[in-house]
Protein backbone atom coordinates (compact mmCIF):
# COMPACT_ATOMS: atom_id res chain seq x y z
CA MET A 1 -65.85 137.09 15.32
CA ARG A 2 -62.81 135.63 13.51
CA VAL A 3 -64.94 132.67 12.32
CA SER A 4 -67.57 135.04 10.98
CA ILE A 5 -64.99 137.10 9.07
CA PHE A 6 -63.32 133.96 7.73
CA THR A 7 -66.68 132.45 6.70
CA ARG A 8 -67.67 135.56 4.77
CA TYR A 9 -64.26 135.76 3.11
CA ILE A 10 -64.10 132.19 1.84
CA ALA A 11 -67.80 132.17 0.89
CA LYS A 12 -67.32 135.38 -1.09
CA SER A 13 -64.28 133.93 -2.87
CA LEU A 14 -66.18 130.72 -3.71
CA LEU A 15 -69.28 132.54 -4.96
CA THR A 16 -67.17 134.87 -7.13
CA PHE A 17 -65.54 131.94 -8.90
CA PHE A 18 -68.85 130.06 -9.06
CA ALA A 19 -70.69 132.99 -10.67
CA GLY A 20 -67.99 133.37 -13.31
CA VAL A 21 -67.70 129.67 -14.14
CA VAL A 22 -71.46 128.97 -14.13
CA GLY A 23 -71.93 131.95 -16.44
CA VAL A 24 -69.38 130.59 -18.93
CA LEU A 25 -70.69 127.01 -18.79
CA THR A 26 -74.31 128.11 -19.02
CA PHE A 27 -73.48 130.27 -22.04
CA VAL A 28 -71.68 127.39 -23.80
CA ILE A 29 -74.52 124.91 -23.19
CA PHE A 30 -77.17 127.54 -23.88
CA MET A 31 -75.64 128.45 -27.24
CA ASN A 32 -76.04 124.86 -28.40
CA HIS A 33 -79.76 125.06 -27.60
CA PHE A 34 -79.95 128.55 -29.09
CA ILE A 35 -78.75 127.32 -32.47
CA LYS A 36 -81.28 124.47 -32.43
CA VAL A 37 -84.17 126.73 -31.40
CA VAL A 38 -83.37 129.31 -34.08
CA GLY A 39 -83.12 126.48 -36.62
CA MET A 40 -86.58 125.25 -35.60
CA ALA A 41 -87.95 128.78 -35.80
CA MET A 42 -86.68 129.13 -39.36
CA GLU A 43 -88.06 125.72 -40.31
CA TYR A 44 -91.50 126.22 -38.75
CA GLY A 45 -91.82 129.92 -39.54
CA THR A 46 -92.32 131.09 -35.95
CA GLY A 47 -91.76 134.60 -34.58
CA ILE A 48 -89.30 136.17 -32.16
CA GLY A 49 -91.74 135.73 -29.28
CA TRP A 50 -91.67 131.95 -29.72
CA ILE A 51 -87.86 131.96 -29.77
CA VAL A 52 -87.57 134.00 -26.56
CA ALA A 53 -90.20 131.93 -24.71
CA SER A 54 -88.55 128.66 -25.79
CA LEU A 55 -85.08 129.79 -24.71
CA LEU A 56 -86.39 130.91 -21.30
CA SER A 57 -87.99 127.48 -20.85
CA ILE A 58 -84.62 125.80 -21.46
CA LEU A 59 -82.66 127.92 -18.94
CA PRO A 60 -83.57 125.91 -15.77
CA ASP A 61 -82.40 122.68 -17.41
CA VAL A 62 -79.17 124.33 -18.57
CA PHE A 63 -78.51 125.64 -15.05
CA CYS A 64 -79.05 122.19 -13.50
CA LEU A 65 -76.42 120.79 -15.88
CA SER A 66 -73.85 123.54 -15.48
CA ALA A 67 -74.17 124.30 -11.73
CA PRO A 68 -72.55 121.07 -10.33
CA MET A 69 -69.58 121.39 -12.70
CA ALA A 70 -69.24 125.10 -11.96
CA PHE A 71 -69.32 124.50 -8.21
CA GLN A 72 -66.61 121.83 -8.37
CA ILE A 73 -64.36 124.08 -10.46
CA ALA A 74 -65.06 127.02 -8.12
CA VAL A 75 -64.06 124.94 -5.07
CA LEU A 76 -60.68 123.99 -6.51
CA LEU A 77 -60.05 127.49 -7.86
CA THR A 78 -60.82 128.92 -4.41
CA LEU A 79 -58.48 126.50 -2.64
CA THR A 80 -55.66 126.83 -5.20
CA ASN A 81 -55.97 130.62 -5.04
CA MET A 82 -55.72 130.53 -1.23
CA SER A 83 -52.79 128.13 -1.47
CA GLU A 84 -51.05 130.34 -4.05
CA GLN A 85 -51.46 133.37 -1.79
CA GLY A 86 -50.25 131.43 1.26
CA GLU A 87 -53.62 131.89 2.98
CA LEU A 88 -54.12 128.18 3.70
CA ILE A 89 -50.83 128.04 5.57
CA ALA A 90 -51.78 131.20 7.49
CA LEU A 91 -55.17 129.74 8.45
CA ARG A 92 -53.60 126.51 9.64
CA ALA A 93 -51.04 128.49 11.66
CA ALA A 94 -53.88 130.50 13.20
CA GLY A 95 -55.43 127.30 14.52
CA PHE A 96 -58.06 126.58 11.87
CA SER A 97 -58.56 122.88 11.17
CA PHE A 98 -59.30 121.48 7.74
CA LYS A 99 -62.88 120.81 8.85
CA GLU A 100 -63.35 124.44 9.90
CA ILE A 101 -62.03 125.63 6.54
CA VAL A 102 -64.46 123.31 4.73
CA GLN A 103 -67.54 124.46 6.69
CA PRO A 104 -68.29 127.59 4.57
CA LEU A 105 -67.79 125.53 1.42
CA LEU A 106 -70.06 122.81 2.79
CA ALA A 107 -72.78 125.34 3.62
CA CYS A 108 -72.72 126.61 0.03
CA ALA A 109 -72.80 123.03 -1.30
CA VAL A 110 -75.85 122.20 0.84
CA ILE A 111 -77.72 125.31 -0.32
CA LEU A 112 -76.92 124.53 -3.97
CA SER A 113 -77.96 120.88 -3.57
CA VAL A 114 -81.29 121.83 -2.00
CA LEU A 115 -81.91 124.25 -4.88
CA LEU A 116 -81.02 121.58 -7.44
CA VAL A 117 -83.26 119.00 -5.75
CA ILE A 118 -86.24 121.36 -6.04
CA MET A 119 -85.41 122.41 -9.59
CA GLY A 120 -84.46 118.97 -10.88
CA ASN A 121 -87.45 117.13 -9.47
CA TRP A 122 -90.21 119.68 -10.06
CA LEU A 123 -89.35 123.05 -11.65
CA THR A 124 -87.12 121.90 -14.52
CA PRO A 125 -89.55 119.18 -15.78
CA LYS A 126 -92.35 121.75 -15.89
CA SER A 127 -90.26 124.28 -17.83
CA TYR A 128 -89.01 121.54 -20.17
CA LYS A 129 -92.61 120.48 -20.79
CA GLN A 130 -93.45 124.08 -21.71
CA PHE A 131 -90.59 124.04 -24.21
CA LEU A 132 -91.79 120.76 -25.77
CA ASN A 133 -95.34 122.11 -25.93
CA ARG A 134 -94.12 125.19 -27.78
CA LYS A 135 -92.07 122.99 -30.09
CA GLU A 136 -95.12 120.82 -30.71
CA GLU A 137 -97.24 123.90 -31.36
CA ALA A 138 -94.74 125.12 -33.92
CA TYR A 139 -94.39 121.67 -35.48
CA SER A 140 -98.16 121.22 -35.77
CA LYS A 141 -98.32 124.34 -37.94
CA ILE A 142 -97.28 124.02 -41.55
CA THR A 143 -94.25 126.09 -42.49
CA LYS A 144 -95.22 129.71 -43.00
CA VAL A 145 -97.27 130.11 -46.17
CA THR A 146 -96.62 132.95 -48.58
CA LEU A 147 -99.12 133.33 -51.39
CA GLU A 148 -97.44 133.83 -54.76
CA PRO A 149 -98.86 133.56 -58.30
CA ARG A 150 -97.66 130.86 -60.72
CA THR A 151 -96.18 128.87 -57.83
CA PHE A 152 -97.27 125.57 -56.29
CA MET A 153 -97.84 126.16 -52.58
CA ASN A 154 -97.92 123.23 -50.16
CA LEU A 155 -100.83 123.40 -47.71
CA GLY A 156 -100.48 120.06 -45.99
CA ASP A 157 -102.61 117.54 -47.91
CA TRP A 158 -103.38 120.11 -50.62
CA ASP A 159 -101.26 121.82 -53.26
CA LEU A 160 -102.48 125.26 -54.38
CA TYR A 161 -101.70 126.99 -57.68
CA VAL A 162 -103.03 130.37 -58.85
CA GLU A 163 -102.36 131.96 -62.20
CA ASP A 164 -102.88 135.55 -61.04
CA LEU A 165 -103.18 137.10 -57.55
CA ASP A 166 -103.97 140.59 -56.33
CA PRO A 167 -102.31 140.87 -52.84
CA LYS A 168 -104.36 143.95 -51.93
CA THR A 169 -107.79 142.36 -52.38
CA ASN A 170 -106.69 138.69 -52.13
CA THR A 171 -108.60 137.97 -55.35
CA ALA A 172 -107.19 135.33 -57.67
CA LYS A 173 -107.79 133.91 -61.13
CA GLN A 174 -107.41 130.36 -62.42
CA ILE A 175 -107.22 128.61 -59.06
CA HIS A 176 -106.19 124.94 -58.99
CA LEU A 177 -106.22 122.67 -55.93
CA ILE A 178 -104.93 119.09 -55.81
CA ARG A 179 -105.33 116.83 -52.78
CA LYS A 180 -102.69 114.12 -52.50
CA ASN A 181 -103.99 112.11 -49.53
CA ASP A 182 -107.72 111.55 -49.80
CA ASN A 183 -109.40 108.43 -48.42
CA GLY A 184 -111.20 106.52 -51.15
CA ALA A 185 -109.69 108.50 -54.02
CA LEU A 186 -106.48 108.55 -55.97
CA SER A 187 -106.76 112.31 -56.21
CA THR A 188 -109.18 115.16 -55.74
CA LYS A 189 -108.96 118.28 -57.87
CA VAL A 190 -110.76 121.60 -57.53
CA ASN A 191 -110.52 124.15 -60.33
CA ALA A 192 -112.09 127.61 -60.32
CA SER A 193 -111.90 130.53 -62.73
CA SER A 194 -111.77 133.10 -59.91
CA GLY A 195 -112.12 133.55 -56.17
CA ARG A 196 -110.70 135.02 -52.96
CA ILE A 197 -107.97 133.53 -50.77
CA ILE A 198 -107.95 134.49 -47.09
CA LEU A 199 -104.83 133.51 -45.15
CA SER A 200 -104.70 133.25 -41.32
CA ASP A 201 -102.22 131.72 -38.88
CA THR A 202 -104.11 128.43 -38.68
CA ALA A 203 -106.00 128.05 -41.98
CA VAL A 204 -106.44 129.13 -45.59
CA GLY A 205 -109.98 130.06 -46.58
CA LEU A 206 -111.09 129.96 -50.21
CA GLN A 207 -114.21 131.48 -51.76
CA LEU A 208 -114.29 129.98 -55.24
CA GLN A 209 -116.43 131.03 -58.21
CA ASP A 210 -117.39 129.18 -61.41
CA GLY A 211 -115.47 125.93 -61.11
CA GLN A 212 -115.46 122.16 -61.04
CA MET A 213 -114.52 119.39 -58.56
CA GLN A 214 -113.08 116.11 -59.87
CA ARG A 215 -112.52 112.92 -57.89
CA VAL A 216 -110.79 109.77 -59.17
CA SER A 217 -111.70 106.54 -57.38
CA ASP A 218 -108.82 104.48 -55.98
CA LYS A 219 -110.72 101.25 -56.71
CA ASP A 220 -111.41 102.10 -60.35
CA PRO A 221 -109.01 104.75 -61.75
CA SER A 222 -111.13 104.98 -64.90
CA SER A 223 -114.08 106.13 -62.80
CA LEU A 224 -114.28 109.91 -62.58
CA ILE A 225 -116.76 111.86 -60.51
CA ALA A 226 -117.13 115.51 -61.51
CA ALA A 227 -119.41 118.29 -60.30
CA ASN A 228 -119.67 121.89 -61.45
CA PHE A 229 -120.35 124.76 -59.07
CA ASP A 230 -121.12 128.46 -59.29
CA SER A 231 -119.88 129.22 -55.78
CA TYR A 232 -117.95 127.04 -53.34
CA THR A 233 -116.35 127.85 -49.98
CA MET A 234 -113.70 125.67 -48.37
CA SER A 235 -111.09 125.89 -45.62
CA ILE A 236 -107.69 124.18 -45.45
CA SER A 237 -106.18 123.78 -41.99
CA LEU A 238 -102.51 124.65 -41.52
CA LEU A 239 -102.28 122.46 -38.44
CA LYS A 240 -100.86 118.95 -38.50
CA GLU A 241 -102.40 116.18 -36.44
CA HIS A 242 -99.75 114.75 -34.17
CA THR A 243 -99.78 113.11 -30.75
CA ARG A 244 -96.52 112.85 -28.84
CA ARG A 245 -95.56 110.53 -26.04
CA LEU A 246 -94.60 112.22 -22.79
CA LYS A 247 -90.87 112.12 -22.14
CA VAL A 248 -89.27 111.43 -18.78
CA GLY A 249 -87.66 114.86 -18.74
CA GLU A 250 -91.01 116.68 -18.82
CA MET A 251 -92.64 114.76 -15.98
CA THR A 252 -92.07 115.73 -12.36
CA THR A 253 -90.69 113.13 -9.98
CA THR A 254 -94.05 113.00 -8.23
CA LYS A 255 -95.76 112.13 -11.51
CA LEU A 256 -93.16 109.49 -12.38
CA LEU A 257 -93.61 107.79 -8.99
CA ARG A 258 -97.39 107.89 -9.41
CA LYS A 259 -97.12 106.22 -12.81
CA LEU A 260 -94.81 103.54 -11.44
CA ARG A 261 -97.29 102.72 -8.66
CA LYS A 262 -100.59 102.89 -10.50
CA GLU A 263 -100.02 102.24 -14.22
CA PRO A 264 -99.09 98.94 -15.91
CA LEU A 265 -95.78 99.80 -17.56
CA ASP A 266 -93.50 97.62 -19.65
CA GLU A 267 -90.07 96.85 -18.19
CA LYS A 268 -88.19 99.24 -20.48
CA THR A 269 -90.42 102.20 -19.65
CA ALA A 270 -90.39 101.45 -15.91
CA ASN A 271 -86.58 101.26 -15.90
CA GLU A 272 -86.42 104.55 -17.79
CA TYR A 273 -88.62 106.20 -15.15
CA ARG A 274 -86.61 104.79 -12.22
CA THR A 275 -83.22 105.74 -13.66
CA GLY A 276 -84.57 109.19 -14.51
CA ILE A 277 -85.63 109.78 -10.90
CA SER A 278 -82.26 108.61 -9.57
CA MET A 279 -80.25 110.65 -12.05
CA ARG A 280 -82.04 113.87 -11.05
CA ASN A 281 -81.11 113.39 -7.42
CA VAL A 282 -77.56 112.29 -8.22
CA LEU A 283 -77.03 115.54 -10.13
CA ALA A 284 -78.64 117.49 -7.29
CA LEU A 285 -76.38 115.96 -4.62
CA SER A 286 -73.25 115.97 -6.79
CA PRO A 287 -71.96 119.30 -5.35
CA LEU A 288 -71.57 117.59 -1.94
CA ILE A 289 -69.67 114.62 -3.33
CA LEU A 290 -67.52 116.76 -5.61
CA LEU A 291 -66.73 119.03 -2.65
CA PHE A 292 -65.44 116.23 -0.44
CA VAL A 293 -63.38 114.77 -3.28
CA SER A 294 -61.93 118.17 -4.27
CA CYS A 295 -61.03 119.55 -0.83
CA PRO A 296 -58.23 117.07 0.03
CA ILE A 297 -56.68 117.70 -3.38
CA GLY A 298 -56.94 121.48 -2.96
CA PHE A 299 -55.52 121.36 0.58
CA SER A 300 -52.56 119.24 -0.47
CA LEU A 301 -51.48 121.54 -3.29
CA GLY A 302 -48.37 123.53 -2.45
CA LYS A 303 -47.89 127.28 -2.25
CA ARG A 304 -46.30 127.36 -5.69
CA THR A 305 -49.38 125.80 -7.27
CA ASN A 306 -51.28 128.03 -9.69
CA LYS A 307 -54.90 127.95 -10.81
CA GLY A 308 -54.00 125.87 -13.85
CA TRP A 309 -53.58 122.83 -11.61
CA GLY A 310 -56.97 123.49 -10.10
CA MET A 311 -58.57 123.53 -13.56
CA LEU A 312 -56.74 120.34 -14.54
CA TRP A 313 -57.92 118.45 -11.47
CA SER A 314 -61.44 119.81 -12.00
CA VAL A 315 -61.56 118.41 -15.53
CA ILE A 316 -60.33 115.01 -14.31
CA ILE A 317 -62.84 114.85 -11.44
CA ILE A 318 -65.81 116.03 -13.52
CA PHE A 319 -64.98 113.70 -16.41
CA THR A 320 -64.69 110.71 -14.05
CA PHE A 321 -67.91 111.61 -12.23
CA TYR A 322 -70.01 111.89 -15.39
CA LEU A 323 -68.38 108.80 -16.91
CA LEU A 324 -69.38 106.76 -13.85
CA MET A 325 -72.88 108.25 -13.93
CA THR A 326 -73.28 107.31 -17.61
CA LEU A 327 -72.09 103.78 -16.83
CA GLY A 328 -74.50 103.51 -13.89
CA LEU A 329 -77.34 104.88 -16.00
CA SER A 330 -76.69 102.26 -18.70
CA LEU A 331 -76.64 99.46 -16.14
CA GLY A 332 -79.84 100.76 -14.54
CA LYS A 333 -81.69 100.76 -17.87
CA LYS A 334 -80.44 97.27 -18.67
CA TYR A 335 -81.07 95.52 -15.33
CA VAL A 336 -84.25 96.00 -13.30
CA TRP A 337 -82.54 95.49 -9.94
CA LEU A 338 -80.07 98.29 -10.80
CA SER A 339 -82.65 100.76 -12.12
CA TYR A 340 -82.71 102.80 -8.89
CA PRO A 341 -79.14 102.27 -7.51
CA GLY A 342 -77.35 102.22 -10.91
CA PRO A 343 -77.13 106.02 -11.45
CA TRP A 344 -75.83 106.37 -7.88
CA LEU A 345 -72.56 104.67 -8.89
CA PRO A 346 -70.50 107.94 -8.96
CA VAL A 347 -71.87 108.93 -5.54
CA ILE A 348 -71.01 105.55 -3.98
CA ILE A 349 -67.51 105.51 -5.47
CA GLY A 350 -67.09 109.22 -4.66
CA ILE A 351 -67.78 108.57 -0.95
CA PHE A 352 -65.05 105.92 -0.77
CA VAL A 353 -62.58 108.03 -2.77
CA ALA A 354 -63.26 111.09 -0.60
CA ARG A 355 -62.78 109.04 2.57
CA TRP A 356 -59.50 107.64 1.25
CA LEU A 357 -58.24 111.10 0.22
CA TRP A 358 -59.06 112.69 3.59
CA LYS A 359 -57.37 109.85 5.44
CA LYS A 360 -54.28 109.49 3.25
CA ARG A 361 -53.56 113.06 2.19
CA LEU A 362 -54.74 114.94 5.30
CA ASN A 363 -54.41 112.19 7.93
CA ILE A 364 -58.02 112.69 9.07
């Protein structure tokens, strides 16, 4: 019974701190993405629906980044709070060992690590791919077009100019079109005395009346081909042709492993795939390593210690962990034989440091 009450108490304290810290960290990281997404929306002329869907696609990735750091901070805040209140001394006097005190924290770390393994290897890549697809969709569309008279309007390869425009009927007078990139020609011009302009999300349709088309050859600029027309209909696409290369972050671990086994990859790409797989699992298992490094420090803090010391040690531990991971990641991308084990450098060093701390500071 006493173990059950104690487990609920310490787990509740940990989860309270974790929820607060992960909320703050997620907000800070999320705001950076928010500014970028809004900037893209303004550049590409997308709507509020695109912004909301893009931000929701980023959330899993933001959580995977903030959760390990939040958990480590929550562990030290929990232990320093218990030390400040004299609860650690009371627990030890009641017969609780350090290992028994750690058990509720360890259970929470295991649950979080399992969640991060699933998210990092499968769910987050899928959501990140959705974000990149939406970004690509927005990028492939020319910036929002607004039809205005006496103004040159960029429509991709074409520039459109109209002398007069009736927005109610979409009828225009003195329409001029100039194509800048036209295979086999220096330029292509279409002039019409009148016509209708129909604007949609993906194209601009033109129904031209009484005009002329002129084409200047790129081989002989003095050669001009001209043709008059009474009626001519044309459509200008607002979509850009663009093919992007899949990024590591948008491919699930299963897909990365399949590519490594079955596809002929260059050394740089293969190393990028291997280090990407390792880094996902290092981040997923980091709560366990950070827990075992943090607990001896939290247990050894005196009763007069306040939460400021817990935050200070958290910053030091997190900074060192991510510094070692960055170093391991760089080594893994540089050397083939370190592509898998390289990113595990902070975990390997963390195990030895945790063992030394438990032995030296707690005599275990």
